[in-house]
């Protein structure tokens, strides 16, 4: 597919519409959009303009690195989530044990 982003790192407001499985329309409502496809070709869409593109099957050709980051995937690093959850549970267990030990007075234990 490709990437749609603000040209020159500016904030933008736009829309991507799928007309069919092979055809999309990219519209810019505020700011200038930059559309970069997998082959590295780019198209600039000025504010108030639209661009109609055709999606083609991946032929394996073209450049694989177009200098665009953050494309694809869900964005969730489940390994990191599991590590943070494990640390939180471990700290909670330690906190509960320390609270129970420190909250019991010597009178309740009969050692005073």
PDB file of N, CA and C in Angstrom:
ATOM      1  N   UNK A   1       0.848  -1.172   0.000  1.00  0.00           N
ATOM      2  CA  UNK A   1       0.000   0.000   0.000  1.00  0.00           C
ATOM      3  C   UNK A   1       0.894   1.234   0.000  1.00  0.00           C
ATOM      4  N   UNK A   2       1.082   1.864   1.148  1.00  0.00           N
ATOM      5  CA  UNK A   2       1.903   3.056   1.221  1.00  0.00           C
ATOM      6  C   UNK A   2       1.625   3.826   2.487  1.00  0.00           C
ATOM      7  N   UNK A   3       2.063   5.078   2.499  1.00  0.00           N
ATOM      8  CA  UNK A   3       1.935   5.929   3.671  1.00  0.00           C
ATOM      9  C   UNK A   3       1.362   7.275   3.260  1.00  0.00           C
ATOM     10  N   UNK A   4       0.453   7.776   4.091  1.00  0.00           N
ATOM     11  CA  UNK A   4      -0.069   9.128   3.891  1.00  0.00           C
ATOM     12  C   UNK A   4       0.315   9.911   5.131  1.00  0.00           C
ATOM     13  N   UNK A   5       0.962  11.058   4.953  1.00  0.00           N
ATOM     14  CA  UNK A   5       1.399  11.879   6.083  1.00  0.00           C
ATOM     15  C   UNK A   5       1.410  13.341   5.683  1.00  0.00           C
ATOM     16  N   UNK A   6       1.597  14.180   6.675  1.00  0.00           N
ATOM     17  CA  UNK A   6       1.681  15.604   6.413  1.00  0.00           C
ATOM     18  C   UNK A   6       2.991  15.947   5.735  1.00  0.00           C
ATOM     19  N   UNK A   7       2.922  16.754   4.709  1.00  0.00           N
ATOM     20  CA  UNK A   7       4.135  17.198   4.028  1.00  0.00           C
ATOM     21  C   UNK A   7       4.891  18.150   4.943  1.00  0.00           C
ATOM     22  N   UNK A   8       6.186  18.063   4.974  1.00  0.00           N
ATOM     23  CA  UNK A   8       7.059  18.928   5.776  1.00  0.00           C
ATOM     24  C   UNK A   8       6.771  18.820   7.266  1.00  0.00           C
ATOM     25  N   UNK A   9       6.209  17.706   7.724  1.00  0.00           N
ATOM     26  CA  UNK A   9       5.964  17.492   9.153  1.00  0.00           C
ATOM     27  C   UNK A   9       4.883  18.367   9.751  1.00  0.00           C
ATOM     28  N   UNK A  10       4.051  18.991   8.927  1.00  0.00           N
ATOM     29  CA  UNK A  10       2.992  19.862   9.406  1.00  0.00           C
ATOM     30  C   UNK A  10       1.745  19.056   9.742  1.00  0.00           C
ATOM     31  N   UNK A  11       0.885  19.611  10.606  1.00  0.00           N
ATOM     32  CA  UNK A  11      -0.385  18.982  10.943  1.00  0.00           C
ATOM     33  C   UNK A  11      -1.328  19.083   9.753  1.00  0.00           C
ATOM     34  N   UNK A  12      -2.080  18.020   9.530  1.00  0.00           N
ATOM     35  CA  UNK A  12      -3.013  17.986   8.404  1.00  0.00           C
ATOM     36  C   UNK A  12      -4.318  17.339   8.843  1.00  0.00           C
ATOM     37  N   UNK A  13      -5.328  17.526   8.026  1.00  0.00           N
ATOM     38  CA  UNK A  13      -6.627  16.908   8.231  1.00  0.00           C
ATOM     39  C   UNK A  13      -7.101  16.450   6.870  1.00  0.00           C
ATOM     40  N   UNK A  14      -7.318  15.145   6.731  1.00  0.00           N
ATOM     41  CA  UNK A  14      -7.715  14.619   5.445  1.00  0.00           C
ATOM     42  C   UNK A  14      -8.522  13.351   5.589  1.00  0.00           C
ATOM     43  N   UNK A  15      -8.746  12.701   4.473  1.00  0.00           N
ATOM     44  CA  UNK A  15      -9.566  11.492   4.457  1.00  0.00           C
ATOM     45  C   UNK A  15      -9.068  10.553   3.369  1.00  0.00           C
ATOM     46  N   UNK A  16      -9.127   9.242   3.668  1.00  0.00           N
ATOM     47  CA  UNK A  16      -8.818   8.215   2.680  1.00  0.00           C
ATOM     48  C   UNK A  16     -10.082   7.394   2.496  1.00  0.00           C
ATOM     49  N   UNK A  17     -10.547   7.281   1.265  1.00  0.00           N
ATOM     50  CA  UNK A  17     -11.773   6.532   0.965  1.00  0.00           C
ATOM     51  C   UNK A  17     -11.448   5.390   0.023  1.00  0.00           C
ATOM     52  N   UNK A  18     -11.986   4.204   0.322  1.00  0.00           N
ATOM     53  CA  UNK A  18     -11.869   3.057  -0.578  1.00  0.00           C
ATOM     54  C   UNK A  18     -13.088   3.041  -1.492  1.00  0.00           C
ATOM     55  N   UNK A  19     -12.869   3.236  -2.770  1.00  0.00           N
ATOM     56  CA  UNK A  19     -13.971   3.193  -3.727  1.00  0.00           C
ATOM     57  C   UNK A  19     -14.252   1.764  -4.166  1.00  0.00           C
ATOM     58  N   UNK A  20     -13.218   0.977  -4.277  1.00  0.00           N
ATOM     59  CA  UNK A  20     -13.311  -0.434  -4.650  1.00  0.00           C
ATOM     60  C   UNK A  20     -12.052  -1.111  -4.111  1.00  0.00           C
ATOM     61  N   UNK A  21     -11.939  -2.430  -4.246  1.00  0.00           N
ATOM     62  CA  UNK A  21     -10.719  -3.081  -3.768  1.00  0.00           C
ATOM     63  C   UNK A  21      -9.448  -2.600  -4.470  1.00  0.00           C
ATOM     64  N   UNK A  22      -9.575  -1.968  -5.629  1.00  0.00           N
ATOM     65  CA  UNK A  22      -8.407  -1.494  -6.362  1.00  0.00           C
ATOM     66  C   UNK A  22      -8.282   0.021  -6.420  1.00  0.00           C
ATOM     67  N   UNK A  23      -9.247   0.778  -5.927  1.00  0.00           N
ATOM     68  CA  UNK A  23      -9.227   2.228  -6.116  1.00  0.00           C
ATOM     69  C   UNK A  23      -9.446   2.964  -4.796  1.00  0.00           C
ATOM     70  N   UNK A  24      -8.587   3.983  -4.523  1.00  0.00           N
ATOM     71  CA  UNK A  24      -8.725   4.822  -3.333  1.00  0.00           C
ATOM     72  C   UNK A  24      -8.746   6.290  -3.741  1.00  0.00           C
ATOM     73  N   UNK A  25      -9.313   7.114  -2.851  1.00  0.00           N
ATOM     74  CA  UNK A  25      -9.282   8.564  -3.026  1.00  0.00           C
ATOM     75  C   UNK A  25      -8.726   9.151  -1.733  1.00  0.00           C
ATOM     76  N   UNK A  26      -7.695   9.981  -1.855  1.00  0.00           N
ATOM     77  CA  UNK A  26      -7.094  10.663  -0.713  1.00  0.00           C
ATOM     78  C   UNK A  26      -7.414  12.144  -0.865  1.00  0.00           C
ATOM     79  N   UNK A  27      -8.061  12.720   0.164  1.00  0.00           N
ATOM     80  CA  UNK A  27      -8.458  14.130   0.121  1.00  0.00           C
ATOM     81  C   UNK A  27      -7.792  14.884   1.258  1.00  0.00           C
ATOM     82  N   UNK A  28      -7.357  16.106   0.974  1.00  0.00           N
ATOM     83  CA  UNK A  28      -6.757  16.963   1.981  1.00  0.00           C
ATOM     84  C   UNK A  28      -7.717  18.103   2.285  1.00  0.00           C
ATOM     85  N   UNK A  29      -8.137  18.191   3.549  1.00  0.00           N
ATOM     86  CA  UNK A  29      -9.053  19.252   3.956  1.00  0.00           C
ATOM     87  C   UNK A  29      -8.305  20.439   4.567  1.00  0.00           C
ATOM     88  N   UNK A  30      -7.225  20.140   5.272  1.00  0.00           N
ATOM     89  CA  UNK A  30      -6.421  21.201   5.888  1.00  0.00           C
ATOM     90  C   UNK A  30      -4.957  20.789   5.834  1.00  0.00           C
ATOM     91  N   UNK A  31      -4.111  21.610   5.266  1.00  0.00           N
ATOM     92  CA  UNK A  31      -2.697  21.298   5.129  1.00  0.00           C
ATOM     93  C   UNK A  31      -2.426  20.517   3.854  1.00  0.00           C
ATOM     94  N   UNK A  32      -1.154  20.176   3.647  1.00  0.00           N
ATOM     95  CA  UNK A  32      -0.728  19.451   2.455  1.00  0.00           C
ATOM     96  C   UNK A  32      -0.360  18.029   2.831  1.00  0.00           C
ATOM     97  N   UNK A  33      -0.916  17.055   2.106  1.00  0.00           N
ATOM     98  CA  UNK A  33      -0.636  15.641   2.347  1.00  0.00           C
ATOM     99  C   UNK A  33       0.425  15.138   1.388  1.00  0.00           C
ATOM    100  N   UNK A  34       1.186  14.159   1.835  1.00  0.00           N
ATOM    101  CA  UNK A  34       2.172  13.490   0.999  1.00  0.00           C
ATOM    102  C   UNK A  34       1.833  12.005   0.999  1.00  0.00           C
ATOM    103  N   UNK A  35       1.606  11.436  -0.182  1.00  0.00           N
ATOM    104  CA  UNK A  35       1.323  10.008  -0.330  1.00  0.00           C
ATOM    105  C   UNK A  35       2.574   9.363  -0.903  1.00  0.00           C
ATOM    106  N   UNK A  36       3.117   8.357  -0.192  1.00  0.00           N
ATOM    107  CA  UNK A  36       4.310   7.641  -0.639  1.00  0.00           C
ATOM    108  C   UNK A  36       3.943   6.176  -0.795  1.00  0.00           C
ATOM    109  N   UNK A  37       4.135   5.626  -2.010  1.00  0.00           N
ATOM    110  CA  UNK A  37       3.811   4.214  -2.205  1.00  0.00           C
ATOM    111  C   UNK A  37       5.017   3.333  -1.900  1.00  0.00           C
ATOM    112  N   UNK A  38       4.810   2.015  -1.986  1.00  0.00           N
ATOM    113  CA  UNK A  38       5.870   1.063  -1.639  1.00  0.00           C
ATOM    114  C   UNK A  38       7.086   1.183  -2.545  1.00  0.00           C
ATOM    115  N   UNK A  39       6.897   1.635  -3.760  1.00  0.00           N
ATOM    116  CA  UNK A  39       8.008   1.772  -4.697  1.00  0.00           C
ATOM    117  C   UNK A  39       8.798   3.053  -4.454  1.00  0.00           C
ATOM    118  N   UNK A  40       8.330   3.899  -3.524  1.00  0.00           N
ATOM    119  CA  UNK A  40       9.033   5.137  -3.226  1.00  0.00           C
ATOM    120  C   UNK A  40       8.538   6.345  -3.995  1.00  0.00           C
ATOM    121  N   UNK A  41       7.569   6.153  -4.884  1.00  0.00           N
ATOM    122  CA  UNK A  41       7.015   7.275  -5.630  1.00  0.00           C
ATOM    123  C   UNK A  41       6.087   8.065  -4.724  1.00  0.00           C
ATOM    124  N   UNK A  42       6.107   9.382  -4.844  1.00  0.00           N
ATOM    125  CA  UNK A  42       5.277  10.215  -3.968  1.00  0.00           C
ATOM    126  C   UNK A  42       4.381  11.144  -4.775  1.00  0.00           C
ATOM    127  N   UNK A  43       3.287  11.526  -4.128  1.00  0.00           N
ATOM    128  CA  UNK A  43       2.325  12.448  -4.723  1.00  0.00           C
ATOM    129  C   UNK A  43       1.942  13.457  -3.649  1.00  0.00           C
ATOM    130  N   UNK A  44       2.030  14.744  -3.938  1.00  0.00           N
ATOM    131  CA  UNK A  44       1.653  15.792  -3.004  1.00  0.00           C
ATOM    132  C   UNK A  44       0.218  16.227  -3.294  1.00  0.00           C
ATOM    133  N   UNK A  45      -0.586  16.320  -2.222  1.00  0.00           N
ATOM    134  CA  UNK A  45      -1.985  16.721  -2.358  1.00  0.00           C
ATOM    135  C   UNK A  45      -2.175  18.011  -1.571  1.00  0.00           C
ATOM    136  N   UNK A  46      -2.429  19.106  -2.272  1.00  0.00           N
ATOM    137  CA  UNK A  46      -2.597  20.414  -1.632  1.00  0.00           C
ATOM    138  C   UNK A  46      -3.945  20.489  -0.927  1.00  0.00           C
ATOM    139  N   UNK A  47      -4.052  21.437  -0.028  1.00  0.00           N
ATOM    140  CA  UNK A  47      -5.301  21.647   0.712  1.00  0.00           C
ATOM    141  C   UNK A  47      -6.455  21.872  -0.247  1.00  0.00           C
ATOM    142  N   UNK A  48      -7.569  21.156  -0.022  1.00  0.00           N
ATOM    143  CA  UNK A  48      -8.744  21.284  -0.871  1.00  0.00           C
ATOM    144  C   UNK A  48      -8.714  20.407  -2.112  1.00  0.00           C
ATOM    145  N   UNK A  49      -7.644  19.641  -2.307  1.00  0.00           N
ATOM    146  CA  UNK A  49      -7.512  18.793  -3.487  1.00  0.00           C
ATOM    147  C   UNK A  49      -7.709  17.323  -3.113  1.00  0.00           C
ATOM    148  N   UNK A  50      -7.942  16.487  -4.120  1.00  0.00           N
ATOM    149  CA  UNK A  50      -8.070  15.043  -3.942  1.00  0.00           C
ATOM    150  C   UNK A  50      -7.189  14.328  -4.939  1.00  0.00           C
ATOM    151  N   UNK A  51      -6.810  13.104  -4.596  1.00  0.00           N
ATOM    152  CA  UNK A  51      -5.975  12.275  -5.453  1.00  0.00           C
ATOM    153  C   UNK A  51      -6.614  10.901  -5.542  1.00  0.00           C
ATOM    154  N   UNK A  52      -6.842  10.397  -6.748  1.00  0.00           N
ATOM    155  CA  UNK A  52      -7.389   9.064  -6.946  1.00  0.00           C
ATOM    156  C   UNK A  52      -6.252   8.138  -7.321  1.00  0.00           C
ATOM    157  N   UNK A  53      -6.103   7.056  -6.565  1.00  0.00           N
ATOM    158  CA  UNK A  53      -5.020   6.108  -6.806  1.00  0.00           C
ATOM    159  C   UNK A  53      -5.556   4.723  -7.090  1.00  0.00           C
ATOM    160  N   UNK A  54      -4.741   3.940  -7.782  1.00  0.00           N
ATOM    161  CA  UNK A  54      -5.094   2.566  -8.092  1.00  0.00           C
ATOM    162  C   UNK A  54      -4.165   1.644  -7.323  1.00  0.00           C
ATOM    163  N   UNK A  55      -4.736   0.678  -6.630  1.00  0.00           N
ATOM    164  CA  UNK A  55      -3.947  -0.298  -5.895  1.00  0.00           C
ATOM    165  C   UNK A  55      -3.650  -1.468  -6.815  1.00  0.00           C
ATOM    166  N   UNK A  56      -2.400  -1.878  -6.874  1.00  0.00           N
ATOM    167  CA  UNK A  56      -2.016  -3.004  -7.711  1.00  0.00           C
ATOM    168  C   UNK A  56      -1.495  -4.129  -6.837  1.00  0.00           C
ATOM    169  N   UNK A  57      -1.500  -5.320  -7.372  1.00  0.00           N
ATOM    170  CA  UNK A  57      -0.977  -6.474  -6.645  1.00  0.00           C
ATOM    171  C   UNK A  57       0.515  -6.309  -6.455  1.00  0.00           C
ATOM    172  N   UNK A  58       1.009  -6.818  -5.337  1.00  0.00           N
ATOM    173  CA  UNK A  58       2.433  -6.732  -5.040  1.00  0.00           C
ATOM    174  C   UNK A  58       3.193  -7.668  -5.968  1.00  0.00           C
ATOM    175  N   UNK A  59       4.045  -7.102  -6.809  1.00  0.00           N
ATOM    176  CA  UNK A  59       4.794  -7.906  -7.768  1.00  0.00           C
ATOM    177  C   UNK A  59       6.166  -8.284  -7.251  1.00  0.00           C
ATOM    178  N   UNK A  60       6.503  -7.837  -6.048  1.00  0.00           N
ATOM    179  CA  UNK A  60       7.804  -8.159  -5.492  1.00  0.00           C
ATOM    180  C   UNK A  60       8.886  -7.189  -5.933  1.00  0.00           C
ATOM    181  N   UNK A  61       8.565  -6.317  -6.869  1.00  0.00           N
ATOM    182  CA  UNK A  61       9.545  -5.352  -7.332  1.00  0.00           C
ATOM    183  C   UNK A  61       9.511  -4.086  -6.500  1.00  0.00           C
ATOM    184  N   UNK A  62      10.308  -3.133  -6.875  1.00  0.00           N
ATOM    185  CA  UNK A  62      10.321  -1.863  -6.151  1.00  0.00           C
ATOM    186  C   UNK A  62      11.254  -1.899  -4.964  1.00  0.00           C
ATOM    187  N   UNK A  63      11.465  -0.736  -4.367  1.00  0.00           N
ATOM    188  CA  UNK A  63      12.346  -0.627  -3.218  1.00  0.00           C
ATOM    189  C   UNK A  63      11.589  -1.022  -1.959  1.00  0.00           C
ATOM    190  N   UNK A  64      12.255  -1.736  -1.061  1.00  0.00           N
ATOM    191  CA  UNK A  64      11.602  -2.129   0.184  1.00  0.00           C
ATOM    192  C   UNK A  64      11.753  -1.065   1.258  1.00  0.00           C
ATOM    193  N   UNK A  65      12.736  -0.187   1.129  1.00  0.00           N
ATOM    194  CA  UNK A  65      12.956   0.852   2.133  1.00  0.00           C
ATOM    195  C   UNK A  65      12.770   2.212   1.487  1.00  0.00           C
ATOM    196  N   UNK A  66      11.635   2.852   1.777  1.00  0.00           N
ATOM    197  CA  UNK A  66      11.370   4.157   1.198  1.00  0.00           C
ATOM    198  C   UNK A  66      11.622   5.264   2.211  1.00  0.00           C
ATOM    199  N   UNK A  67      12.255   4.934   3.326  1.00  0.00           N
ATOM    200  CA  UNK A  67      12.583   5.940   4.327  1.00  0.00           C
ATOM    201  C   UNK A  67      11.400   6.364   5.176  1.00  0.00           C
ATOM    202  N   UNK A  68      10.345   5.556   5.216  1.00  0.00           N
ATOM    203  CA  UNK A  68       9.167   5.884   6.000  1.00  0.00           C
ATOM    204  C   UNK A  68       9.065   4.872   7.131  1.00  0.00           C
ATOM    205  N   UNK A  69       8.896   5.376   8.342  1.00  0.00           N
ATOM    206  CA  UNK A  69       8.816   4.495   9.499  1.00  0.00           C
ATOM    207  C   UNK A  69       7.393   4.434  10.025  1.00  0.00           C
ATOM    208  N   UNK A  70       7.107   3.395  10.779  1.00  0.00           N
ATOM    209  CA  UNK A  70       5.833   3.289  11.470  1.00  0.00           C
ATOM    210  C   UNK A  70       4.696   2.752  10.629  1.00  0.00           C
ATOM    211  N   UNK A  71       4.996   1.949   9.631  1.00  0.00           N
ATOM    212  CA  UNK A  71       3.958   1.423   8.769  1.00  0.00           C
ATOM    213  C   UNK A  71       3.687  -0.037   9.121  1.00  0.00           C
ATOM    214  N   UNK A  72       2.420  -0.390   9.259  1.00  0.00           N
ATOM    215  CA  UNK A  72       2.039  -1.774   9.483  1.00  0.00           C
ATOM    216  C   UNK A  72       2.074  -2.180  10.940  1.00  0.00           C
ATOM    217  N   UNK A  73       1.507  -3.330  11.230  1.00  0.00           N
ATOM    218  CA  UNK A  73       1.475  -3.853  12.584  1.00  0.00           C
ATOM    219  C   UNK A  73       0.435  -3.148  13.440  1.00  0.00           C
ATOM    220  N   UNK A  74       0.153  -3.755  14.585  1.00  0.00           N
ATOM    221  CA  UNK A  74      -0.854  -3.180  15.469  1.00  0.00           C
ATOM    222  C   UNK A  74      -0.283  -2.116  16.380  1.00  0.00           C
ATOM    223  N   UNK A  75       1.038  -2.063  16.505  1.00  0.00           N
ATOM    224  CA  UNK A  75       1.657  -1.075  17.371  1.00  0.00           C
ATOM    225  C   UNK A  75       1.734  -1.510  18.819  1.00  0.00           C
ATOM    226  N   UNK A  76       1.326  -2.741  19.135  1.00  0.00           N
ATOM    227  CA  UNK A  76       1.364  -3.231  20.505  1.00  0.00           C
ATOM    228  C   UNK A  76       2.526  -4.198  20.654  1.00  0.00           C
ATOM    229  N   UNK A  77       3.437  -3.900  21.559  1.00  0.00           N
ATOM    230  CA  UNK A  77       4.565  -4.765  21.852  1.00  0.00           C
ATOM    231  C   UNK A  77       4.169  -5.651  23.030  1.00  0.00           C
ATOM    232  N   UNK A  78       3.637  -6.842  22.739  1.00  0.00           N
ATOM    233  CA  UNK A  78       3.092  -7.705  23.777  1.00  0.00           C
ATOM    234  C   UNK A  78       4.162  -8.201  24.735  1.00  0.00           C
ATOM    235  N   UNK A  79       5.386  -8.343  24.294  1.00  0.00           N
ATOM    236  CA  UNK A  79       6.471  -8.736  25.193  1.00  0.00           C
ATOM    237  C   UNK A  79       6.687  -7.684  26.273  1.00  0.00           C
ATOM    238  N   UNK A  80       6.653  -6.425  25.881  1.00  0.00           N
ATOM    239  CA  UNK A  80       6.815  -5.327  26.836  1.00  0.00           C
ATOM    240  C   UNK A  80       5.616  -5.256  27.778  1.00  0.00           C
ATOM    241  N   UNK A  81       4.415  -5.465  27.245  1.00  0.00           N
ATOM    242  CA  UNK A  81       3.213  -5.453  28.086  1.00  0.00           C
ATOM    243  C   UNK A  81       3.300  -6.543  29.146  1.00  0.00           C
ATOM    244  N   UNK A  82       3.728  -7.760  28.755  1.00  0.00           N
ATOM    245  CA  UNK A  82       3.854  -8.862  29.708  1.00  0.00           C
ATOM    246  C   UNK A  82       4.900  -8.546  30.769  1.00  0.00           C
ATOM    247  N   UNK A  83       6.019  -7.948  30.364  1.00  0.00           N
ATOM    248  CA  UNK A  83       7.076  -7.617  31.324  1.00  0.00           C
ATOM    249  C   UNK A  83       6.577  -6.590  32.340  1.00  0.00           C
ATOM    250  N   UNK A  84       5.904  -5.549  31.888  1.00  0.00           N
ATOM    251  CA  UNK A  84       5.386  -4.517  32.791  1.00  0.00           C
ATOM    252  C   UNK A  84       4.323  -5.103  33.713  1.00  0.00           C
ATOM    253  N   UNK A  85       3.445  -5.957  33.183  1.00  0.00           N
ATOM    254  CA  UNK A  85       2.416  -6.587  34.023  1.00  0.00           C
ATOM    255  C   UNK A  85       3.058  -7.475  35.083  1.00  0.00           C
ATOM    256  N   UNK A  86       4.087  -8.225  34.721  1.00  0.00           N
ATOM    257  CA  UNK A  86       4.794  -9.076  35.687  1.00  0.00           C
ATOM    258  C   UNK A  86       5.444  -8.256  36.792  1.00  0.00           C
ATOM    259  N   UNK A  87       6.062  -7.152  36.405  1.00  0.00           N
ATOM    260  CA  UNK A  87       6.683  -6.279  37.413  1.00  0.00           C
ATOM    261  C   UNK A  87       5.631  -5.681  38.340  1.00  0.00           C
ATOM    262  N   UNK A  88       4.496  -5.264  37.805  1.00  0.00           N
ATOM    263  CA  UNK A  88       3.432  -4.679  38.622  1.00  0.00           C
ATOM    264  C   UNK A  88       2.871  -5.706  39.598  1.00  0.00           C
ATOM    265  N   UNK A  89       2.664  -6.930  39.140  1.00  0.00           N
ATOM    266  CA  UNK A  89       2.150  -7.987  40.021  1.00  0.00           C
ATOM    267  C   UNK A  89       3.169  -8.319  41.109  1.00  0.00           C
ATOM    268  N   UNK A  90       4.444  -8.406  40.724  1.00  0.00           N
ATOM    269  CA  UNK A  90       5.498  -8.679  41.710  1.00  0.00           C
ATOM    270  C   UNK A  90       5.577  -7.598  42.774  1.00  0.00           C
ATOM    271  N   UNK A  91       5.524  -6.347  42.376  1.00  0.00           N
ATOM    272  CA  UNK A  91       5.565  -5.247  43.345  1.00  0.00           C
ATOM    273  C   UNK A  91       4.335  -5.242  44.238  1.00  0.00           C
ATOM    274  N   UNK A  92       3.184  -5.595  43.687  1.00  0.00           N
ATOM    275  CA  UNK A  92       1.963  -5.665  44.497  1.00  0.00           C
ATOM    276  C   UNK A  92       2.078  -6.749  45.556  1.00  0.00           C
ATOM    277  N   UNK A  93       2.621  -7.914  45.200  1.00  0.00           N
ATOM    278  CA  UNK A  93       2.793  -9.011  46.167  1.00  0.00           C
ATOM    279  C   UNK A  93       3.758  -8.596  47.271  1.00  0.00           C
ATOM    280  N   UNK A  94       4.872  -7.975  46.907  1.00  0.00           N
ATOM    281  CA  UNK A  94       5.845  -7.511  47.910  1.00  0.00           C
ATOM    282  C   UNK A  94       5.200  -6.473  48.822  1.00  0.00           C
ATOM    283  N   UNK A  95       4.421  -5.560  48.254  1.00  0.00           N
ATOM    284  CA  UNK A  95       3.741  -4.541  49.059  1.00  0.00           C
ATOM    285  C   UNK A  95       2.756  -5.147  50.040  1.00  0.00           C
ATOM    286  N   UNK A  96       1.998  -6.142  49.607  1.00  0.00           N
ATOM    287  CA  UNK A  96       1.029  -6.793  50.499  1.00  0.00           C
ATOM    288  C   UNK A  96       1.739  -7.516  51.633  1.00  0.00           C
ATOM    289  N   UNK A  97       2.806  -8.232  51.317  1.00  0.00           N
ATOM    290  CA  UNK A  97       3.557  -8.954  52.359  1.00  0.00           C
ATOM    291  C   UNK A  97       4.145  -7.968  53.356  1.00  0.00           C
ATOM    292  N   UNK A  98       4.755  -6.905  52.896  1.00  0.00           N
ATOM    293  CA  UNK A  98       5.340  -5.910  53.810  1.00  0.00           C
ATOM    294  C   UNK A  98       4.265  -5.237  54.649  1.00  0.00           C
ATOM    295  N   UNK A  99       3.121  -4.938  54.073  1.00  0.00           N
ATOM    296  CA  UNK A  99       2.032  -4.315  54.826  1.00  0.00           C
ATOM    297  C   UNK A  99       1.554  -5.240  55.937  1.00  0.00           C
ATOM    298  N   UNK A 100       1.390  -6.514  55.621  1.00  0.00           N
ATOM    299  CA  UNK A 100       0.925  -7.460  56.633  1.00  0.00           C
ATOM    300  C   UNK A 100       1.939  -7.604  57.768  1.00  0.00           C
ATOM    301  N   UNK A 101       3.207  -7.634  57.435  1.00  0.00           N
ATOM    302  CA  UNK A 101       4.250  -7.779  58.463  1.00  0.00           C
ATOM    303  C   UNK A 101       4.342  -6.534  59.339  1.00  0.00           C
ATOM    304  N   UNK A 102       4.280  -5.358  58.734  1.00  0.00           N
ATOM    305  CA  UNK A 102       4.465  -4.116  59.478  1.00  0.00           C
ATOM    306  C   UNK A 102       3.201  -3.660  60.201  1.00  0.00           C
ATOM    307  N   UNK A 103       2.029  -4.114  59.767  1.00  0.00           N
ATOM    308  CA  UNK A 103       0.797  -3.652  60.397  1.00  0.00           C
ATOM    309  C   UNK A 103       0.448  -4.437  61.665  1.00  0.00           C
ATOM    310  N   UNK A 104       1.076  -5.566  61.857  1.00  0.00           N
ATOM    311  CA  UNK A 104       0.820  -6.339  63.074  1.00  0.00           C
ATOM    312  C   UNK A 104       1.678  -5.777  64.203  1.00  0.00           C
ATOM    313  N   UNK A 105       1.024  -5.392  65.287  1.00  0.00           N
ATOM    314  CA  UNK A 105       1.778  -4.825  66.433  1.00  0.00           C
ATOM    315  C   UNK A 105       2.267  -5.958  67.319  1.00  0.00           C
ATOM    316  N   UNK A 106       3.207  -5.622  68.205  1.00  0.00           N
ATOM    317  CA  UNK A 106       3.746  -6.630  69.124  1.00  0.00           C
ATOM    318  C   UNK A 106       2.697  -7.069  70.132  1.00  0.00           C
ATOM    319  N   UNK A 107       1.655  -6.252  70.396  1.00  0.00           N
ATOM    320  CA  UNK A 107       0.589  -6.628  71.322  1.00  0.00           C
ATOM    321  C   UNK A 107      -0.220  -7.767  70.727  1.00  0.00           C
ATOM    322  N   UNK A 108      -0.506  -7.659  69.444  1.00  0.00           N
ATOM    323  CA  UNK A 108      -1.276  -8.701  68.780  1.00  0.00           C
ATOM    324  C   UNK A 108      -0.484 -10.001  68.702  1.00  0.00           C
ATOM    325  N   UNK A 109       0.812  -9.915  68.596  1.00  0.00           N
ATOM    326  CA  UNK A 109       1.650 -11.093  68.522  1.00  0.00           C
ATOM    327  C   UNK A 109       1.974 -11.667  69.894  1.00  0.00           C
ATOM    328  N   UNK A 110       1.766 -10.897  70.962  1.00  0.00           N
ATOM    329  CA  UNK A 110       2.049 -11.359  72.309  1.00  0.00           C
ATOM    330  C   UNK A 110       3.522 -11.337  72.657  1.00  0.00           C
ATOM    331  N   UNK A 111       4.328 -10.497  71.959  1.00  0.00           N
ATOM    332  CA  UNK A 111       5.769 -10.468  72.225  1.00  0.00           C
ATOM    333  C   UNK A 111       6.179  -9.214  72.993  1.00  0.00           C
ATOM    334  N   UNK A 112       5.245  -8.362  73.401  1.00  0.00           N
ATOM    335  CA  UNK A 112       5.596  -7.116  74.109  1.00  0.00           C
ATOM    336  C   UNK A 112       5.754  -7.352  75.582  1.00  0.00           C
TER     337      UNK A 112
END
